[in-house]
Structure formats: C-alpha cells, structure tokens
Amino acid sequence: MIKVIFFAALRDKLDCDGLTIETTSEITCVADIKQYLCQKHPHWQPFFTEQSILSAVNHTMADESFAVTSGDEVAFFPPVTGG
C-alpha cells in the first residue's frame, strides 16, 4: 500500500485529505500515481496536470520520476510562498 496525502488548497479542491492505493507493478514512480489518481477520479485530472503541483515521497521533495514502493507516503501540494 502507498499512502497518498493532499495538502493546502489542493486538499480543498479535491475535497479529500488522502487515500491509500494498492502497490502494483504499474505503479513505480510519482507520475504513475498521478496517472492512477486521474483514472480513478477523472474530475481530478485538471489539478494533477498543473505543472505547479509539487510532490514529496517520505518527506523528501520528489519529481515525477522518483521511485515509489509499498509502504511509502506520497504527498501532493501546491507551491508554497513565503515572505
């Protein structure tokens, strides 16, 4: 299982805090998780095709090619601004 968490405005837009997905041979990286989520929830696709969505795997910033395995926690969130 992979735990997927959504933060900040993305969580509000998706109306979902997070979920778990089964680990399969087709899910090997962050991009695969995004694709899976868009297939299961087609109305989420506009949010995951935005280039500005950031991701982290086990609290480490990750790009779309970052490998994932069973037991990982993957977080998606909008860009953070500060001042």
Protein backbone atom coordinates (compact mmCIF):
# COMPACT_ATOMS: atom_id res chain seq x y z
CA MET A 1 0.00 0.00 0.00
CA ILE A 2 1.06 3.56 -0.71
CA LYS A 3 -0.36 6.34 1.43
CA VAL A 4 -1.24 9.45 -0.61
CA ILE A 5 -1.84 12.76 1.17
CA PHE A 6 -3.10 16.07 -0.22
CA PHE A 7 -2.26 19.41 1.41
CA ALA A 8 -3.44 23.01 1.47
CA ALA A 9 -5.53 24.33 -1.43
CA LEU A 10 -5.14 21.06 -3.33
CA ARG A 11 -6.84 19.20 -0.47
CA ASP A 12 -9.69 21.71 -0.60
CA LYS A 13 -10.07 21.46 -4.39
CA LEU A 14 -10.12 17.66 -4.33
CA ASP A 15 -12.30 17.56 -1.21
CA CYS A 16 -10.04 14.78 0.06
CA ASP A 17 -7.33 14.60 2.76
CA GLY A 18 -5.76 11.47 1.36
CA LEU A 19 -6.18 7.83 0.48
CA THR A 20 -4.25 4.60 0.10
CA ILE A 21 -3.61 2.75 -3.11
CA GLU A 22 -2.52 -0.80 -3.75
CA THR A 23 1.04 -1.26 -4.92
CA THR A 24 1.13 -2.80 -8.39
CA SER A 25 3.79 -3.42 -10.99
CA GLU A 26 2.33 -0.50 -12.98
CA ILE A 27 2.92 2.00 -10.15
CA THR A 28 6.66 2.56 -9.91
CA CYS A 29 7.03 6.35 -9.66
CA VAL A 30 5.23 9.57 -8.72
CA ALA A 31 3.99 10.07 -12.31
CA ASP A 32 2.31 6.66 -12.18
CA ILE A 33 0.48 7.66 -9.00
CA LYS A 34 -0.76 10.86 -10.65
CA GLN A 35 -1.97 8.87 -13.66
CA TYR A 36 -3.70 6.32 -11.40
CA LEU A 37 -5.46 9.06 -9.43
CA CYS A 38 -6.69 10.72 -12.65
CA GLN A 39 -8.02 7.39 -13.94
CA LYS A 40 -9.87 6.65 -10.69
CA HIS A 41 -11.08 10.24 -10.25
CA PRO A 42 -11.36 11.83 -13.73
CA HIS A 43 -12.56 15.14 -12.27
CA TRP A 44 -9.16 15.45 -10.51
CA GLN A 45 -7.25 15.48 -13.79
CA PRO A 46 -7.10 19.29 -14.17
CA PHE A 47 -5.39 19.57 -10.79
CA PHE A 48 -2.76 16.90 -11.48
CA THR A 49 -1.89 18.16 -14.95
CA GLU A 50 -0.87 21.53 -13.50
CA GLN A 51 2.90 21.83 -13.68
CA SER A 52 2.98 23.69 -10.38
CA ILE A 53 1.84 20.77 -8.22
CA LEU A 54 4.71 19.64 -6.00
CA SER A 55 5.28 16.19 -4.56
CA ALA A 56 7.25 14.56 -1.78
CA VAL A 57 7.97 10.92 -1.03
CA ASN A 58 8.57 10.11 2.62
CA HIS A 59 9.04 13.83 3.40
CA THR A 60 11.65 14.31 0.63
CA MET A 61 10.86 16.54 -2.34
CA ALA A 62 10.40 14.37 -5.41
CA ASP A 63 9.97 14.85 -9.13
CA GLU A 64 7.68 12.73 -11.30
CA SER A 65 10.34 10.09 -11.97
CA PHE A 66 11.02 9.49 -8.25
CA ALA A 67 10.58 5.77 -7.48
CA VAL A 68 7.88 4.63 -5.05
CA THR A 69 7.40 1.32 -3.30
CA SER A 70 4.97 -0.28 -0.90
CA GLY A 71 4.91 1.48 2.45
CA ASP A 72 5.83 4.89 1.04
CA GLU A 73 3.96 8.08 1.84
CA VAL A 74 3.44 10.38 -1.15
CA ALA A 75 2.26 13.94 -0.62
CA PHE A 76 0.95 16.39 -3.22
CA PHE A 77 0.67 20.12 -2.56
CA PRO A 78 0.59 23.48 -4.31
CA PRO A 79 3.68 25.69 -4.41
CA VAL A 80 4.48 27.36 -1.12
CA THR A 81 5.10 31.08 -0.94
CA GLY A 82 6.66 32.98 1.85
CA GLY A 83 7.58 36.44 2.83
